[in-house]
Amino acid sequence: MTDITDAYFTNLIGRLEELKQALAEPMAQAAAVILDAAHGDKRVYVFGTGHSHMLAEEVHYRAGGLAFTVPVLVGSAMLHEGAVISSVYERTQGLVRPMLERYGMQPGDVIIIASNSGVNAAPIEAADYAREIGAKVIAITSIAYSSAIANGRRRLADVADVVLDNGLPPGDAVVDLEGTGLRVGPVSTVVGVTVINAVFAEVASQLSKSGDAPIYLSANMPGAAEINQKLVKKYRPRNPHL
């Protein structure tokens, strides 16, 4: 293992260990909000632009994942249709509302919004829209990053009902390349995926106590086809990506 590889692993593992303690209470709050929605047969939407959209895909139709999750996936806000234009999109006012209206979000639903910088127009508008219709907002964001660059602008953390601060530094990358002034090794995706899966695992654990945990099985596991088919039939009417 090279020094750089070791430094990246060490940094990441250390951050996850710290977050396990630092986020214990807000993750419990997030789990309680989602559990309440689940008991009301509501949905949990997951939204992010750029690389943050990967959190939405992570929990969608996922082995070991909850079936009431709905990813908000719009090509222009992601990377595969044009990385440069997607960066413009997430900073442009007024584009998110018609996108979210397609999904039929309802009062009592929950939306998890991932935005590392926490100041772009798209995630903040998504939070505003959700709150207008009576949905709860959970943010996964970096308080340090958004505080450093806000310059008087609203931050996602200011709009959310529950804030999961990923504790990351401005710029995301965490490993210095000696003598260059550059940093490599971004960590927001792996930290965000860990946090969201931990929250959903807690929710699933609580639901399982009443025998009502809608959990997908890996397609290669015994009985998976029947179980997954029933879940898809139930949740497809409000998830356009099933």
Protein backbone atom coordinates (compact mmCIF):
# COMPACT_ATOMS: atom_id res chain seq x y z
CA MET A 1 0.00 0.00 0.00
CA THR A 2 1.40 3.39 -0.97
CA ASP A 3 1.55 6.35 1.41
CA ILE A 4 -1.28 8.09 -0.46
CA THR A 5 -3.52 5.01 -0.38
CA ASP A 6 -2.82 4.54 3.30
CA ALA A 7 -3.50 8.21 4.01
CA TYR A 8 -6.85 8.04 2.23
CA PHE A 9 -8.02 4.92 4.06
CA THR A 10 -6.81 6.26 7.40
CA ASN A 11 -8.56 9.59 6.87
CA LEU A 12 -11.81 7.99 5.76
CA ILE A 13 -11.93 5.40 8.54
CA GLY A 14 -11.19 8.08 11.11
CA ARG A 15 -13.99 10.27 9.80
CA LEU A 16 -16.50 7.43 9.88
CA GLU A 17 -15.53 6.59 13.46
CA GLU A 18 -16.03 10.23 14.49
CA LEU A 19 -19.35 10.52 12.67
CA LYS A 20 -20.67 7.39 14.35
CA GLN A 21 -20.59 9.38 17.59
CA ALA A 22 -21.23 12.90 16.28
CA LEU A 23 -24.30 11.89 14.28
CA ALA A 24 -25.81 9.45 16.78
CA GLU A 25 -28.55 11.86 17.87
CA PRO A 26 -29.37 13.43 14.45
CA MET A 27 -29.41 9.99 12.81
CA ALA A 28 -31.87 8.85 15.48
CA GLN A 29 -33.98 11.93 14.70
CA ALA A 30 -33.85 11.15 10.98
CA ALA A 31 -34.84 7.55 11.62
CA ALA A 32 -37.79 8.69 13.75
CA VAL A 33 -39.02 11.02 10.98
CA ILE A 34 -38.78 8.24 8.39
CA LEU A 35 -40.39 5.70 10.72
CA ASP A 36 -43.34 8.03 11.22
CA ALA A 37 -43.72 8.36 7.45
CA ALA A 38 -43.52 4.59 7.01
CA HIS A 39 -46.28 4.03 9.55
CA GLY A 40 -48.47 6.37 7.50
CA ASP A 41 -47.69 4.52 4.24
CA LYS A 42 -45.79 7.56 2.99
CA ARG A 43 -42.71 7.71 0.77
CA VAL A 44 -39.10 8.75 1.34
CA TYR A 45 -37.67 10.62 -1.62
CA VAL A 46 -33.93 11.05 -2.12
CA PHE A 47 -32.56 13.93 -4.15
CA GLY A 48 -29.14 15.22 -5.10
CA THR A 49 -27.47 16.86 -8.07
CA GLY A 50 -24.09 16.08 -9.60
CA HIS A 51 -22.30 13.34 -7.69
CA SER A 52 -24.79 13.66 -4.83
CA HIS A 53 -27.44 11.99 -6.98
CA MET A 54 -25.63 8.70 -6.36
CA LEU A 55 -27.19 8.57 -2.91
CA ALA A 56 -30.61 8.43 -4.56
CA GLU A 57 -29.51 5.53 -6.76
CA GLU A 58 -27.85 3.79 -3.82
CA VAL A 59 -31.13 3.25 -1.97
CA HIS A 60 -33.33 2.55 -5.01
CA TYR A 61 -34.48 -1.07 -5.49
CA ARG A 62 -31.55 -2.07 -3.29
CA ALA A 63 -30.89 -5.50 -1.83
CA GLY A 64 -31.37 -5.03 1.90
CA GLY A 65 -33.04 -1.68 1.25
CA LEU A 66 -36.49 -0.32 2.01
CA ALA A 67 -39.06 -0.40 -0.77
CA PHE A 68 -40.77 2.90 0.08
CA THR A 69 -37.75 4.93 -1.08
CA VAL A 70 -38.14 6.93 -4.28
CA PRO A 71 -35.10 8.32 -6.11
CA VAL A 72 -35.47 11.70 -7.78
CA LEU A 73 -33.56 11.11 -11.00
CA VAL A 74 -33.45 13.76 -13.70
CA GLY A 75 -30.77 13.44 -16.36
CA SER A 76 -29.98 17.14 -16.61
CA ALA A 77 -29.18 17.29 -12.89
CA MET A 78 -26.89 14.26 -13.04
CA LEU A 79 -23.61 13.76 -14.88
CA HIS A 80 -24.13 11.33 -17.74
CA GLU A 81 -25.87 13.80 -20.08
CA GLY A 82 -23.27 16.50 -19.59
CA ALA A 83 -21.20 17.13 -16.49
CA VAL A 84 -20.58 20.80 -17.23
CA ILE A 85 -24.19 21.68 -17.92
CA SER A 86 -25.34 19.77 -14.83
CA SER A 87 -23.17 22.10 -12.76
CA VAL A 88 -24.97 25.06 -14.32
CA TYR A 89 -28.33 23.41 -13.75
CA GLU A 90 -27.85 22.93 -10.02
CA ARG A 91 -27.08 26.64 -9.62
CA THR A 92 -30.05 27.88 -11.66
CA GLN A 93 -33.17 29.14 -9.88
CA GLY A 94 -36.62 27.83 -10.75
CA LEU A 95 -35.85 24.45 -12.32
CA VAL A 96 -36.53 22.08 -9.45
CA ARG A 97 -40.24 22.62 -8.78
CA PRO A 98 -41.54 21.22 -12.11
CA MET A 99 -39.12 18.34 -11.73
CA LEU A 100 -40.43 17.40 -8.29
CA GLU A 101 -44.08 17.88 -9.26
CA ARG A 102 -43.72 14.82 -11.46
CA TYR A 103 -43.18 12.64 -8.41
CA GLY A 104 -46.43 13.37 -6.61
CA MET A 105 -44.90 14.16 -3.25
CA GLN A 106 -47.54 14.42 -0.52
CA PRO A 107 -47.92 15.84 2.98
CA GLY A 108 -46.31 13.48 5.45
CA ASP A 109 -43.69 12.27 2.97
CA VAL A 110 -39.98 12.75 3.61
CA ILE A 111 -37.25 13.95 1.27
CA ILE A 112 -33.58 13.36 1.94
CA ILE A 113 -31.51 15.98 0.14
CA ALA A 114 -27.78 15.45 -0.32
CA SER A 115 -25.63 18.49 -1.05
CA ASN A 116 -22.07 18.65 0.18
CA SER A 117 -21.65 22.39 -0.43
CA GLY A 118 -25.20 23.10 0.72
CA VAL A 119 -25.63 26.43 -1.07
CA ASN A 120 -26.69 25.64 -4.64
CA ALA A 121 -30.15 26.62 -5.85
CA ALA A 122 -31.46 23.15 -6.71
CA PRO A 123 -31.21 21.45 -3.29
CA ILE A 124 -32.50 24.53 -1.47
CA GLU A 125 -35.47 24.85 -3.83
CA ALA A 126 -36.18 21.16 -3.36
CA ALA A 127 -36.28 21.70 0.40
CA ASP A 128 -38.55 24.75 0.04
CA TYR A 129 -40.93 22.84 -2.22
CA ALA A 130 -41.11 19.88 0.15
CA ARG A 131 -41.86 22.04 3.15
CA GLU A 132 -44.54 23.96 1.26
CA ILE A 133 -46.51 20.77 0.68
CA GLY A 134 -45.99 19.45 4.20
CA ALA A 135 -43.14 16.99 3.69
CA LYS A 136 -40.23 16.68 6.11
CA VAL A 137 -36.70 17.52 4.94
CA ILE A 138 -33.55 15.67 5.99
CA ALA A 139 -30.28 17.18 4.76
CA ILE A 140 -26.94 15.45 4.31
CA THR A 141 -24.47 18.29 3.97
CA SER A 142 -21.21 19.79 5.19
CA ILE A 143 -21.74 22.61 7.66
CA ALA A 144 -18.08 23.62 7.38
CA TYR A 145 -18.27 23.81 3.59
CA SER A 146 -21.53 25.75 3.41
CA SER A 147 -20.46 28.13 6.18
CA ALA A 148 -17.22 28.90 4.36
CA ILE A 149 -18.83 29.77 1.01
CA ALA A 150 -22.35 30.99 1.82
CA ASN A 151 -21.48 34.72 1.81
CA GLY A 152 -24.95 35.61 3.02
CA ARG A 153 -26.78 33.03 0.90
CA ARG A 154 -29.27 30.58 2.36
CA ARG A 155 -27.91 27.16 3.14
CA LEU A 156 -29.60 23.78 2.91
CA ALA A 157 -28.88 23.33 6.61
CA ASP A 158 -31.03 26.39 7.35
CA VAL A 159 -34.06 24.90 5.61
CA ALA A 160 -33.99 21.26 6.75
CA ASP A 161 -35.93 19.72 9.63
CA VAL A 162 -33.04 17.36 10.40
CA VAL A 163 -29.41 18.04 9.48
CA LEU A 164 -26.86 15.25 9.11
CA ASP A 165 -23.55 17.12 9.05
CA ASN A 166 -21.03 14.94 7.23
CA GLY A 167 -18.18 16.88 8.85
CA LEU A 168 -16.26 17.25 5.61
CA PRO A 169 -13.91 20.14 4.79
CA PRO A 170 -14.57 22.68 2.03
CA GLY A 171 -13.69 21.11 -1.31
CA ASP A 172 -14.41 17.49 -0.31
CA ALA A 173 -10.95 16.02 -1.10
CA VAL A 174 -8.93 15.14 2.01
CA VAL A 175 -5.42 14.01 1.01
CA ASP A 176 -2.69 16.54 0.24
CA LEU A 177 -0.31 15.95 -2.66
CA GLU A 178 2.95 17.18 -1.23
CA GLY A 179 4.45 20.15 -3.01
CA THR A 180 1.52 20.74 -5.36
CA GLY A 181 -1.07 22.58 -3.31
CA LEU A 182 -3.59 20.04 -4.59
CA ARG A 183 -5.82 17.59 -2.77
CA VAL A 184 -7.21 14.24 -3.89
CA GLY A 185 -9.42 11.61 -2.33
CA PRO A 186 -12.99 12.96 -2.18
CA VAL A 187 -15.07 11.34 0.55
CA SER A 188 -18.55 12.87 0.43
CA THR A 189 -20.08 9.98 -1.51
CA VAL A 190 -18.80 7.16 0.68
CA VAL A 191 -19.66 9.10 3.85
CA GLY A 192 -23.12 9.99 2.55
CA VAL A 193 -23.87 6.42 1.50
CA THR A 194 -22.75 5.13 4.90
CA VAL A 195 -24.93 7.61 6.76
CA ILE A 196 -28.07 7.04 4.69
CA ASN A 197 -27.72 3.25 4.84
CA ALA A 198 -27.19 3.40 8.61
CA VAL A 199 -30.38 5.45 9.03
CA PHE A 200 -32.39 3.09 6.83
CA ALA A 201 -31.01 0.07 8.67
CA GLU A 202 -32.29 1.55 11.93
CA VAL A 203 -35.69 2.22 10.38
CA ALA A 204 -35.86 -1.33 9.02
CA SER A 205 -34.92 -2.72 12.42
CA GLN A 206 -37.76 -0.81 14.08
CA LEU A 207 -40.27 -1.85 11.41
CA SER A 208 -39.22 -5.48 11.63
CA LYS A 209 -40.35 -5.60 15.27
CA SER A 210 -43.93 -5.37 14.05
CA GLY A 211 -43.25 -7.64 11.07
CA ASP A 212 -43.79 -4.81 8.63
CA ALA A 213 -40.38 -4.10 7.08
CA PRO A 214 -40.67 -3.86 3.26
CA ILE A 215 -37.13 -4.97 2.44
CA TYR A 216 -35.89 -6.02 -0.98
CA LEU A 217 -33.87 -9.21 -1.33
CA SER A 218 -30.97 -9.70 -3.71
CA ALA A 219 -32.32 -11.23 -6.91
CA ASN A 220 -30.07 -14.26 -6.44
CA MET A 221 -31.42 -15.17 -3.00
CA PRO A 222 -34.09 -17.86 -2.46
CA GLY A 223 -37.60 -16.42 -2.58
CA ALA A 224 -36.41 -13.04 -3.84
CA ALA A 225 -38.49 -12.99 -7.01
CA GLU A 226 -41.80 -13.41 -5.18
CA ILE A 227 -40.98 -11.00 -2.35
CA ASN A 228 -39.61 -8.30 -4.63
CA GLN A 229 -42.49 -8.63 -7.07
CA LYS A 230 -45.01 -8.01 -4.28
CA LEU A 231 -43.10 -4.95 -3.10
CA VAL A 232 -42.83 -3.52 -6.60
CA LYS A 233 -46.56 -3.99 -7.16
CA LYS A 234 -47.34 -2.14 -3.93
CA TYR A 235 -44.92 0.76 -4.34
CA ARG A 236 -44.82 1.27 -8.11
CA PRO A 237 -47.84 3.65 -8.24
CA ARG A 238 -45.79 6.37 -6.55
CA ASN A 239 -42.32 5.45 -7.79
CA PRO A 240 -41.87 6.12 -11.52
CA HIS A 241 -38.50 4.36 -11.51
CA LEU A 242 -39.81 0.90 -10.68
